[in-house]
């Protein structure tokens, strides 16, 4: 999540990381950036394997399209949930995940 936030945010932008207790047994982590953002229609599929916001022929940031899918599997394996929010293209993104407090 941090790699993507840095990769898709300009040097003038910002990346924020926050964590807070969510209920009595979970922690919620937020990784937010002021970068490229995500189209509303793509928010549900950004965690699919090999999905990339830019087409493979136009990719400017590199990568395989596996990072978010791997994040989803790790978080699910720990009993948590992961999701993304974005107000739209070029308006930043927020990635949230919850995991149990051990």
PDB file of N, CA and C in Angstrom:
ATOM      1  N   UNK A   1       0.827  -1.195   0.000  1.00  0.00           N
ATOM      2  CA  UNK A   1       0.000   0.000   0.000  1.00  0.00           C
ATOM      3  C   UNK A   1       0.866   1.252   0.000  1.00  0.00           C
ATOM      4  N   UNK A   2       1.915   1.239   0.804  1.00  0.00           N
ATOM      5  CA  UNK A   2       2.805   2.401   0.846  1.00  0.00           C
ATOM      6  C   UNK A   2       3.534   2.593  -0.478  1.00  0.00           C
ATOM      7  N   UNK A   3       3.966   1.506  -1.081  1.00  0.00           N
ATOM      8  CA  UNK A   3       4.651   1.594  -2.366  1.00  0.00           C
ATOM      9  C   UNK A   3       3.741   2.232  -3.412  1.00  0.00           C
ATOM     10  N   UNK A   4       2.499   1.774  -3.483  1.00  0.00           N
ATOM     11  CA  UNK A   4       1.556   2.359  -4.443  1.00  0.00           C
ATOM     12  C   UNK A   4       1.297   3.826  -4.138  1.00  0.00           C
ATOM     13  N   UNK A   5       1.105   4.159  -2.876  1.00  0.00           N
ATOM     14  CA  UNK A   5       0.835   5.551  -2.509  1.00  0.00           C
ATOM     15  C   UNK A   5       1.981   6.452  -2.956  1.00  0.00           C
ATOM     16  N   UNK A   6       3.200   6.007  -2.733  1.00  0.00           N
ATOM     17  CA  UNK A   6       4.361   6.806  -3.147  1.00  0.00           C
ATOM     18  C   UNK A   6       4.516   6.829  -4.663  1.00  0.00           C
ATOM     19  N   UNK A   7       4.266   5.691  -5.301  1.00  0.00           N
ATOM     20  CA  UNK A   7       4.434   5.588  -6.750  1.00  0.00           C
ATOM     21  C   UNK A   7       3.465   6.492  -7.511  1.00  0.00           C
ATOM     22  N   UNK A   8       2.250   6.643  -6.998  1.00  0.00           N
ATOM     23  CA  UNK A   8       1.219   7.380  -7.724  1.00  0.00           C
ATOM     24  C   UNK A   8       0.971   8.788  -7.176  1.00  0.00           C
ATOM     25  N   UNK A   9       1.881   9.278  -6.347  1.00  0.00           N
ATOM     26  CA  UNK A   9       1.777  10.630  -5.795  1.00  0.00           C
ATOM     27  C   UNK A   9       3.002  11.429  -6.223  1.00  0.00           C
ATOM     28  N   UNK A  10       2.790  12.648  -6.659  1.00  0.00           N
ATOM     29  CA  UNK A  10       3.909  13.494  -7.084  1.00  0.00           C
ATOM     30  C   UNK A  10       4.758  13.890  -5.877  1.00  0.00           C
ATOM     31  N   UNK A  11       5.985  14.328  -6.115  1.00  0.00           N
ATOM     32  CA  UNK A  11       6.828  14.776  -5.000  1.00  0.00           C
ATOM     33  C   UNK A  11       6.208  15.929  -4.205  1.00  0.00           C
ATOM     34  N   UNK A  12       5.331  16.703  -4.820  1.00  0.00           N
ATOM     35  CA  UNK A  12       4.670  17.801  -4.117  1.00  0.00           C
ATOM     36  C   UNK A  12       3.462  17.327  -3.303  1.00  0.00           C
ATOM     37  N   UNK A  13       3.027  16.093  -3.524  1.00  0.00           N
ATOM     38  CA  UNK A  13       1.865  15.551  -2.825  1.00  0.00           C
ATOM     39  C   UNK A  13       2.229  15.022  -1.453  1.00  0.00           C
ATOM     40  N   UNK A  14       1.277  14.320  -0.839  1.00  0.00           N
ATOM     41  CA  UNK A  14       1.529  13.766   0.492  1.00  0.00           C
ATOM     42  C   UNK A  14       0.931  12.369   0.625  1.00  0.00           C
ATOM     43  N   UNK A  15       1.532  11.610   1.523  1.00  0.00           N
ATOM     44  CA  UNK A  15       1.059  10.275   1.890  1.00  0.00           C
ATOM     45  C   UNK A  15       0.868  10.289   3.398  1.00  0.00           C
ATOM     46  N   UNK A  16      -0.287   9.802   3.848  1.00  0.00           N
ATOM     47  CA  UNK A  16      -0.623   9.793   5.269  1.00  0.00           C
ATOM     48  C   UNK A  16      -0.909   8.363   5.709  1.00  0.00           C
ATOM     49  N   UNK A  17      -0.419   8.005   6.887  1.00  0.00           N
ATOM     50  CA  UNK A  17      -0.687   6.691   7.472  1.00  0.00           C
ATOM     51  C   UNK A  17      -1.282   6.927   8.851  1.00  0.00           C
ATOM     52  N   UNK A  18      -2.416   6.292   9.114  1.00  0.00           N
ATOM     53  CA  UNK A  18      -3.064   6.401  10.425  1.00  0.00           C
ATOM     54  C   UNK A  18      -3.509   5.016  10.867  1.00  0.00           C
ATOM     55  N   UNK A  19      -3.560   4.823  12.166  1.00  0.00           N
ATOM     56  CA  UNK A  19      -4.088   3.585  12.736  1.00  0.00           C
ATOM     57  C   UNK A  19      -4.924   3.939  13.951  1.00  0.00           C
ATOM     58  N   UNK A  20      -6.039   3.225  14.117  1.00  0.00           N
ATOM     59  CA  UNK A  20      -6.888   3.451  15.285  1.00  0.00           C
ATOM     60  C   UNK A  20      -7.628   2.163  15.624  1.00  0.00           C
ATOM     61  N   UNK A  21      -7.990   2.050  16.882  1.00  0.00           N
ATOM     62  CA  UNK A  21      -8.793   0.902  17.299  1.00  0.00           C
ATOM     63  C   UNK A  21     -10.170   1.015  16.667  1.00  0.00           C
ATOM     64  N   UNK A  22     -10.652  -0.106  16.180  1.00  0.00           N
ATOM     65  CA  UNK A  22     -11.968  -0.162  15.547  1.00  0.00           C
ATOM     66  C   UNK A  22     -12.755  -1.248  16.267  1.00  0.00           C
ATOM     67  N   UNK A  23     -13.582  -0.851  17.202  1.00  0.00           N
ATOM     68  CA  UNK A  23     -14.231  -1.845  18.047  1.00  0.00           C
ATOM     69  C   UNK A  23     -13.241  -2.315  19.097  1.00  0.00           C
ATOM     70  N   UNK A  24     -13.596  -3.377  19.775  1.00  0.00           N
ATOM     71  CA  UNK A  24     -12.747  -3.831  20.879  1.00  0.00           C
ATOM     72  C   UNK A  24     -11.658  -4.802  20.438  1.00  0.00           C
ATOM     73  N   UNK A  25     -11.760  -5.354  19.238  1.00  0.00           N
ATOM     74  CA  UNK A  25     -10.815  -6.393  18.851  1.00  0.00           C
ATOM     75  C   UNK A  25     -10.138  -6.168  17.503  1.00  0.00           C
ATOM     76  N   UNK A  26     -10.331  -4.993  16.905  1.00  0.00           N
ATOM     77  CA  UNK A  26      -9.760  -4.741  15.585  1.00  0.00           C
ATOM     78  C   UNK A  26      -8.990  -3.423  15.587  1.00  0.00           C
ATOM     79  N   UNK A  27      -8.024  -3.336  14.697  1.00  0.00           N
ATOM     80  CA  UNK A  27      -7.345  -2.076  14.426  1.00  0.00           C
ATOM     81  C   UNK A  27      -7.588  -1.754  12.950  1.00  0.00           C
ATOM     82  N   UNK A  28      -7.876  -0.489  12.668  1.00  0.00           N
ATOM     83  CA  UNK A  28      -8.056  -0.047  11.288  1.00  0.00           C
ATOM     84  C   UNK A  28      -6.867   0.819  10.899  1.00  0.00           C
ATOM     85  N   UNK A  29      -6.269   0.487   9.772  1.00  0.00           N
ATOM     86  CA  UNK A  29      -5.129   1.233   9.250  1.00  0.00           C
ATOM     87  C   UNK A  29      -5.570   1.937   7.974  1.00  0.00           C
ATOM     88  N   UNK A  30      -5.155   3.185   7.826  1.00  0.00           N
ATOM     89  CA  UNK A  30      -5.468   3.995   6.654  1.00  0.00           C
ATOM     90  C   UNK A  30      -4.165   4.428   6.002  1.00  0.00           C
ATOM     91  N   UNK A  31      -4.063   4.205   4.697  1.00  0.00           N
ATOM     92  CA  UNK A  31      -2.971   4.749   3.896  1.00  0.00           C
ATOM     93  C   UNK A  31      -3.632   5.636   2.852  1.00  0.00           C
ATOM     94  N   UNK A  32      -3.418   6.943   2.964  1.00  0.00           N
ATOM     95  CA  UNK A  32      -4.062   7.911   2.070  1.00  0.00           C
ATOM     96  C   UNK A  32      -2.994   8.684   1.306  1.00  0.00           C
ATOM     97  N   UNK A  33      -3.342   9.101   0.092  1.00  0.00           N
ATOM     98  CA  UNK A  33      -2.421   9.911  -0.698  1.00  0.00           C
ATOM     99  C   UNK A  33      -3.188  10.977  -1.465  1.00  0.00           C
ATOM    100  N   UNK A  34      -2.449  11.919  -2.000  1.00  0.00           N
ATOM    101  CA  UNK A  34      -3.038  12.994  -2.801  1.00  0.00           C
ATOM    102  C   UNK A  34      -2.734  12.789  -4.283  1.00  0.00           C
ATOM    103  N   UNK A  35      -2.508  11.545  -4.664  1.00  0.00           N
ATOM    104  CA  UNK A  35      -2.064  11.219  -6.017  1.00  0.00           C
ATOM    105  C   UNK A  35      -3.155  11.078  -7.053  1.00  0.00           C
ATOM    106  N   UNK A  36      -2.956  10.119  -7.955  1.00  0.00           N
ATOM    107  CA  UNK A  36      -3.784   9.942  -9.147  1.00  0.00           C
ATOM    108  C   UNK A  36      -5.250   9.655  -8.887  1.00  0.00           C
ATOM    109  N   UNK A  37      -5.558   9.039  -7.783  1.00  0.00           N
ATOM    110  CA  UNK A  37      -6.947   8.684  -7.516  1.00  0.00           C
ATOM    111  C   UNK A  37      -7.400   7.496  -8.345  1.00  0.00           C
ATOM    112  N   UNK A  38      -8.639   7.086  -8.110  1.00  0.00           N
ATOM    113  CA  UNK A  38      -9.200   5.903  -8.775  1.00  0.00           C
ATOM    114  C   UNK A  38     -10.609   6.241  -9.222  1.00  0.00           C
ATOM    115  N   UNK A  39     -10.938   5.873 -10.435  1.00  0.00           N
ATOM    116  CA  UNK A  39     -12.299   6.062 -10.941  1.00  0.00           C
ATOM    117  C   UNK A  39     -13.268   5.256 -10.075  1.00  0.00           C
ATOM    118  N   UNK A  40     -14.458   5.787  -9.842  1.00  0.00           N
ATOM    119  CA  UNK A  40     -15.463   5.106  -9.015  1.00  0.00           C
ATOM    120  C   UNK A  40     -15.761   3.708  -9.543  1.00  0.00           C
ATOM    121  N   UNK A  41     -15.804   3.551 -10.851  1.00  0.00           N
ATOM    122  CA  UNK A  41     -16.122   2.248 -11.446  1.00  0.00           C
ATOM    123  C   UNK A  41     -15.024   1.215 -11.201  1.00  0.00           C
ATOM    124  N   UNK A  42     -13.847   1.647 -10.817  1.00  0.00           N
ATOM    125  CA  UNK A  42     -12.727   0.728 -10.600  1.00  0.00           C
ATOM    126  C   UNK A  42     -12.508   0.357  -9.141  1.00  0.00           C
ATOM    127  N   UNK A  43     -13.181   1.030  -8.223  1.00  0.00           N
ATOM    128  CA  UNK A  43     -12.910   0.805  -6.801  1.00  0.00           C
ATOM    129  C   UNK A  43     -13.122  -0.640  -6.368  1.00  0.00           C
ATOM    130  N   UNK A  44     -14.086  -1.335  -6.946  1.00  0.00           N
ATOM    131  CA  UNK A  44     -14.358  -2.716  -6.529  1.00  0.00           C
ATOM    132  C   UNK A  44     -13.419  -3.719  -7.175  1.00  0.00           C
ATOM    133  N   UNK A  45     -12.717  -3.316  -8.232  1.00  0.00           N
ATOM    134  CA  UNK A  45     -11.861  -4.285  -8.926  1.00  0.00           C
ATOM    135  C   UNK A  45     -10.369  -4.018  -8.753  1.00  0.00           C
ATOM    136  N   UNK A  46     -10.007  -2.981  -8.013  1.00  0.00           N
ATOM    137  CA  UNK A  46      -8.577  -2.690  -7.855  1.00  0.00           C
ATOM    138  C   UNK A  46      -7.833  -3.808  -7.132  1.00  0.00           C
ATOM    139  N   UNK A  47      -8.546  -4.656  -6.400  1.00  0.00           N
ATOM    140  CA  UNK A  47      -7.906  -5.755  -5.679  1.00  0.00           C
ATOM    141  C   UNK A  47      -7.860  -7.048  -6.493  1.00  0.00           C
ATOM    142  N   UNK A  48      -8.374  -7.024  -7.720  1.00  0.00           N
ATOM    143  CA  UNK A  48      -8.313  -8.200  -8.594  1.00  0.00           C
ATOM    144  C   UNK A  48      -6.878  -8.402  -9.081  1.00  0.00           C
ATOM    145  N   UNK A  49      -6.488  -9.671  -9.226  1.00  0.00           N
ATOM    146  CA  UNK A  49      -5.150  -9.968  -9.735  1.00  0.00           C
ATOM    147  C   UNK A  49      -4.966  -9.385 -11.129  1.00  0.00           C
ATOM    148  N   UNK A  50      -3.826  -8.816 -11.349  1.00  0.00           N
ATOM    149  CA  UNK A  50      -3.379  -8.241 -12.623  1.00  0.00           C
ATOM    150  C   UNK A  50      -4.130  -6.979 -13.032  1.00  0.00           C
ATOM    151  N   UNK A  51      -5.023  -6.477 -12.177  1.00  0.00           N
ATOM    152  CA  UNK A  51      -5.710  -5.231 -12.523  1.00  0.00           C
ATOM    153  C   UNK A  51      -4.729  -4.068 -12.380  1.00  0.00           C
ATOM    154  N   UNK A  52      -4.750  -3.168 -13.341  1.00  0.00           N
ATOM    155  CA  UNK A  52      -3.984  -1.925 -13.251  1.00  0.00           C
ATOM    156  C   UNK A  52      -4.844  -0.807 -13.787  1.00  0.00           C
ATOM    157  N   UNK A  53      -4.823   0.313 -13.103  1.00  0.00           N
ATOM    158  CA  UNK A  53      -5.659   1.455 -13.486  1.00  0.00           C
ATOM    159  C   UNK A  53      -5.358   1.902 -14.908  1.00  0.00           C
ATOM    160  N   UNK A  54      -4.094   1.946 -15.270  1.00  0.00           N
ATOM    161  CA  UNK A  54      -3.727   2.262 -16.648  1.00  0.00           C
ATOM    162  C   UNK A  54      -3.684   0.961 -17.427  1.00  0.00           C
ATOM    163  N   UNK A  55      -3.973   1.010 -18.703  1.00  0.00           N
ATOM    164  CA  UNK A  55      -3.836  -0.178 -19.537  1.00  0.00           C
ATOM    165  C   UNK A  55      -2.385  -0.629 -19.586  1.00  0.00           C
ATOM    166  N   UNK A  56      -2.166  -1.916 -19.791  1.00  0.00           N
ATOM    167  CA  UNK A  56      -0.813  -2.474 -19.790  1.00  0.00           C
ATOM    168  C   UNK A  56       0.090  -1.799 -20.819  1.00  0.00           C
ATOM    169  N   UNK A  57      -0.452  -1.374 -21.933  1.00  0.00           N
ATOM    170  CA  UNK A  57       0.367  -0.749 -22.964  1.00  0.00           C
ATOM    171  C   UNK A  57       0.731   0.692 -22.629  1.00  0.00           C
ATOM    172  N   UNK A  58       0.012   1.314 -21.717  1.00  0.00           N
ATOM    173  CA  UNK A  58       0.256   2.717 -21.372  1.00  0.00           C
ATOM    174  C   UNK A  58       0.884   2.881 -19.998  1.00  0.00           C
ATOM    175  N   UNK A  59       1.180   1.790 -19.321  1.00  0.00           N
ATOM    176  CA  UNK A  59       1.688   1.866 -17.948  1.00  0.00           C
ATOM    177  C   UNK A  59       2.897   2.766 -17.841  1.00  0.00           C
ATOM    178  N   UNK A  60       2.836   3.703 -16.939  1.00  0.00           N
ATOM    179  CA  UNK A  60       3.978   4.587 -16.720  1.00  0.00           C
ATOM    180  C   UNK A  60       4.643   4.316 -15.374  1.00  0.00           C
ATOM    181  N   UNK A  61       3.974   3.599 -14.497  1.00  0.00           N
ATOM    182  CA  UNK A  61       4.497   3.404 -13.141  1.00  0.00           C
ATOM    183  C   UNK A  61       5.114   2.032 -12.921  1.00  0.00           C
ATOM    184  N   UNK A  62       4.988   1.140 -13.874  1.00  0.00           N
ATOM    185  CA  UNK A  62       5.534  -0.196 -13.695  1.00  0.00           C
ATOM    186  C   UNK A  62       4.670  -1.040 -12.776  1.00  0.00           C
ATOM    187  N   UNK A  63       5.144  -2.228 -12.456  1.00  0.00           N
ATOM    188  CA  UNK A  63       4.401  -3.132 -11.587  1.00  0.00           C
ATOM    189  C   UNK A  63       3.724  -4.237 -12.370  1.00  0.00           C
ATOM    190  N   UNK A  64       3.213  -5.210 -11.623  1.00  0.00           N
ATOM    191  CA  UNK A  64       2.597  -6.385 -12.243  1.00  0.00           C
ATOM    192  C   UNK A  64       1.092  -6.437 -12.071  1.00  0.00           C
ATOM    193  N   UNK A  65       0.542  -5.572 -11.239  1.00  0.00           N
ATOM    194  CA  UNK A  65      -0.883  -5.644 -10.960  1.00  0.00           C
ATOM    195  C   UNK A  65      -1.220  -6.685  -9.908  1.00  0.00           C
ATOM    196  N   UNK A  66      -0.233  -7.107  -9.138  1.00  0.00           N
ATOM    197  CA  UNK A  66      -0.465  -8.125  -8.105  1.00  0.00           C
ATOM    198  C   UNK A  66      -0.435  -7.568  -6.687  1.00  0.00           C
ATOM    199  N   UNK A  67       0.128  -6.389  -6.493  1.00  0.00           N
ATOM    200  CA  UNK A  67       0.329  -5.858  -5.144  1.00  0.00           C
ATOM    201  C   UNK A  67      -0.931  -5.772  -4.310  1.00  0.00           C
ATOM    202  N   UNK A  68      -1.995  -5.178  -4.854  1.00  0.00           N
ATOM    203  CA  UNK A  68      -3.234  -5.039  -4.082  1.00  0.00           C
ATOM    204  C   UNK A  68      -3.924  -6.382  -3.885  1.00  0.00           C
ATOM    205  N   UNK A  69      -3.808  -7.281  -4.858  1.00  0.00           N
ATOM    206  CA  UNK A  69      -4.383  -8.622  -4.701  1.00  0.00           C
ATOM    207  C   UNK A  69      -3.672  -9.366  -3.569  1.00  0.00           C
ATOM    208  N   UNK A  70      -2.363  -9.201  -3.481  1.00  0.00           N
ATOM    209  CA  UNK A  70      -1.599  -9.826  -2.397  1.00  0.00           C
ATOM    210  C   UNK A  70      -1.992  -9.214  -1.057  1.00  0.00           C
ATOM    211  N   UNK A  71      -2.139  -7.894  -1.007  1.00  0.00           N
ATOM    212  CA  UNK A  71      -2.597  -7.237   0.226  1.00  0.00           C
ATOM    213  C   UNK A  71      -3.935  -7.812   0.673  1.00  0.00           C
ATOM    214  N   UNK A  72      -4.852  -7.969  -0.276  1.00  0.00           N
ATOM    215  CA  UNK A  72      -6.185  -8.498   0.042  1.00  0.00           C
ATOM    216  C   UNK A  72      -6.081  -9.898   0.635  1.00  0.00           C
ATOM    217  N   UNK A  73      -5.239 -10.740   0.054  1.00  0.00           N
ATOM    218  CA  UNK A  73      -5.098 -12.111   0.563  1.00  0.00           C
ATOM    219  C   UNK A  73      -4.474 -12.132   1.955  1.00  0.00           C
ATOM    220  N   UNK A  74      -3.480 -11.300   2.176  1.00  0.00           N
ATOM    221  CA  UNK A  74      -2.840 -11.248   3.498  1.00  0.00           C
ATOM    222  C   UNK A  74      -3.835 -10.786   4.554  1.00  0.00           C
ATOM    223  N   UNK A  75      -4.536  -9.689   4.275  1.00  0.00           N
ATOM    224  CA  UNK A  75      -5.500  -9.150   5.239  1.00  0.00           C
ATOM    225  C   UNK A  75      -6.610 -10.165   5.500  1.00  0.00           C
ATOM    226  N   UNK A  76      -7.124 -10.799   4.454  1.00  0.00           N
ATOM    227  CA  UNK A  76      -8.173 -11.817   4.625  1.00  0.00           C
ATOM    228  C   UNK A  76      -7.647 -12.997   5.441  1.00  0.00           C
ATOM    229  N   UNK A  77      -6.404 -13.388   5.201  1.00  0.00           N
ATOM    230  CA  UNK A  77      -5.801 -14.490   5.954  1.00  0.00           C
ATOM    231  C   UNK A  77      -5.674 -14.184   7.435  1.00  0.00           C
ATOM    232  N   UNK A  78      -5.547 -12.919   7.768  1.00  0.00           N
ATOM    233  CA  UNK A  78      -5.476 -12.494   9.166  1.00  0.00           C
ATOM    234  C   UNK A  78      -6.855 -12.236   9.756  1.00  0.00           C
ATOM    235  N   UNK A  79      -7.916 -12.455   8.967  1.00  0.00           N
ATOM    236  CA  UNK A  79      -9.274 -12.255   9.465  1.00  0.00           C
ATOM    237  C   UNK A  79      -9.769 -10.828   9.356  1.00  0.00           C
ATOM    238  N   UNK A  80      -9.173 -10.043   8.479  1.00  0.00           N
ATOM    239  CA  UNK A  80      -9.571  -8.647   8.326  1.00  0.00           C
ATOM    240  C   UNK A  80     -10.247  -8.362   7.004  1.00  0.00           C
ATOM    241  N   UNK A  81     -10.460  -7.087   6.748  1.00  0.00           N
ATOM    242  CA  UNK A  81     -11.077  -6.621   5.504  1.00  0.00           C
ATOM    243  C   UNK A  81     -10.239  -5.477   4.954  1.00  0.00           C
ATOM    244  N   UNK A  82     -10.294  -5.288   3.636  1.00  0.00           N
ATOM    245  CA  UNK A  82      -9.578  -4.197   2.986  1.00  0.00           C
ATOM    246  C   UNK A  82     -10.491  -3.562   1.956  1.00  0.00           C
ATOM    247  N   UNK A  83     -10.405  -2.236   1.829  1.00  0.00           N
ATOM    248  CA  UNK A  83     -11.225  -1.541   0.841  1.00  0.00           C
ATOM    249  C   UNK A  83     -10.543  -0.239   0.446  1.00  0.00           C
ATOM    250  N   UNK A  84     -11.021   0.321  -0.652  1.00  0.00           N
ATOM    251  CA  UNK A  84     -10.459   1.571  -1.168  1.00  0.00           C
ATOM    252  C   UNK A  84     -11.562   2.598  -1.353  1.00  0.00           C
ATOM    253  N   UNK A  85     -11.204   3.859  -1.153  1.00  0.00           N
ATOM    254  CA  UNK A  85     -12.090   4.997  -1.420  1.00  0.00           C
ATOM    255  C   UNK A  85     -11.301   6.018  -2.222  1.00  0.00           C
ATOM    256  N   UNK A  86     -11.985   6.714  -3.102  1.00  0.00           N
ATOM    257  CA  UNK A  86     -11.354   7.803  -3.844  1.00  0.00           C
ATOM    258  C   UNK A  86     -12.438   8.725  -4.367  1.00  0.00           C
ATOM    259  N   UNK A  87     -12.230  10.025  -4.261  1.00  0.00           N
ATOM    260  CA  UNK A  87     -13.213  10.958  -4.821  1.00  0.00           C
ATOM    261  C   UNK A  87     -13.136  11.037  -6.345  1.00  0.00           C
ATOM    262  N   UNK A  88     -12.165  10.363  -6.955  1.00  0.00           N
ATOM    263  CA  UNK A  88     -12.085  10.331  -8.410  1.00  0.00           C
ATOM    264  C   UNK A  88     -10.680  10.538  -8.928  1.00  0.00           C
ATOM    265  N   UNK A  89     -10.569  10.491 -10.237  1.00  0.00           N
ATOM    266  CA  UNK A  89      -9.290  10.626 -10.928  1.00  0.00           C
ATOM    267  C   UNK A  89      -8.586  11.925 -10.517  1.00  0.00           C
ATOM    268  N   UNK A  90      -7.308  11.793 -10.224  1.00  0.00           N
ATOM    269  CA  UNK A  90      -6.447  12.916  -9.830  1.00  0.00           C
ATOM    270  C   UNK A  90      -6.877  13.603  -8.539  1.00  0.00           C
ATOM    271  N   UNK A  91      -7.605  12.873  -7.678  1.00  0.00           N
ATOM    272  CA  UNK A  91      -8.073  13.466  -6.420  1.00  0.00           C
ATOM    273  C   UNK A  91      -7.668  12.636  -5.204  1.00  0.00           C
ATOM    274  N   UNK A  92      -6.688  11.771  -5.372  1.00  0.00           N
ATOM    275  CA  UNK A  92      -6.182  11.000  -4.248  1.00  0.00           C
ATOM    276  C   UNK A  92      -6.956   9.717  -3.989  1.00  0.00           C
ATOM    277  N   UNK A  93      -6.394   8.904  -3.121  1.00  0.00           N
ATOM    278  CA  UNK A  93      -6.985   7.610  -2.764  1.00  0.00           C
ATOM    279  C   UNK A  93      -6.805   7.359  -1.273  1.00  0.00           C
ATOM    280  N   UNK A  94      -7.684   6.543  -0.740  1.00  0.00           N
ATOM    281  CA  UNK A  94      -7.553   6.049   0.630  1.00  0.00           C
ATOM    282  C   UNK A  94      -7.710   4.540   0.596  1.00  0.00           C
ATOM    283  N   UNK A  95      -6.772   3.850   1.196  1.00  0.00           N
ATOM    284  CA  UNK A  95      -6.868   2.405   1.352  1.00  0.00           C
ATOM    285  C   UNK A  95      -6.966   2.126   2.841  1.00  0.00           C
ATOM    286  N   UNK A  96      -7.984   1.372   3.217  1.00  0.00           N
ATOM    287  CA  UNK A  96      -8.245   1.025   4.613  1.00  0.00           C
ATOM    288  C   UNK A  96      -8.133  -0.490   4.756  1.00  0.00           C
ATOM    289  N   UNK A  97      -7.638  -0.928   5.891  1.00  0.00           N
ATOM    290  CA  UNK A  97      -7.776  -2.344   6.221  1.00  0.00           C
ATOM    291  C   UNK A  97      -7.932  -2.494   7.723  1.00  0.00           C
ATOM    292  N   UNK A  98      -8.636  -3.543   8.088  1.00  0.00           N
ATOM    293  CA  UNK A  98      -8.791  -3.896   9.494  1.00  0.00           C
ATOM    294  C   UNK A  98      -8.159  -5.260   9.709  1.00  0.00           C
ATOM    295  N   UNK A  99      -7.541  -5.416  10.863  1.00  0.00           N
ATOM    296  CA  UNK A  99      -7.006  -6.712  11.271  1.00  0.00           C
ATOM    297  C   UNK A  99      -7.249  -6.865  12.768  1.00  0.00           C
ATOM    298  N   UNK A 100      -7.370  -8.112  13.219  1.00  0.00           N
ATOM    299  CA  UNK A 100      -7.594  -8.331  14.648  1.00  0.00           C
ATOM    300  C   UNK A 100      -6.398  -7.881  15.483  1.00  0.00           C
ATOM    301  N   UNK A 101      -6.697  -7.371  16.664  1.00  0.00           N
ATOM    302  CA  UNK A 101      -5.655  -7.051  17.635  1.00  0.00           C
ATOM    303  C   UNK A 101      -5.292  -8.353  18.327  1.00  0.00           C
ATOM    304  N   UNK A 102      -4.022  -8.654  18.353  1.00  0.00           N
ATOM    305  CA  UNK A 102      -3.582  -9.929  18.926  1.00  0.00           C
ATOM    306  C   UNK A 102      -3.270  -9.744  20.393  1.00  0.00           C
TER     307      UNK A 102
END
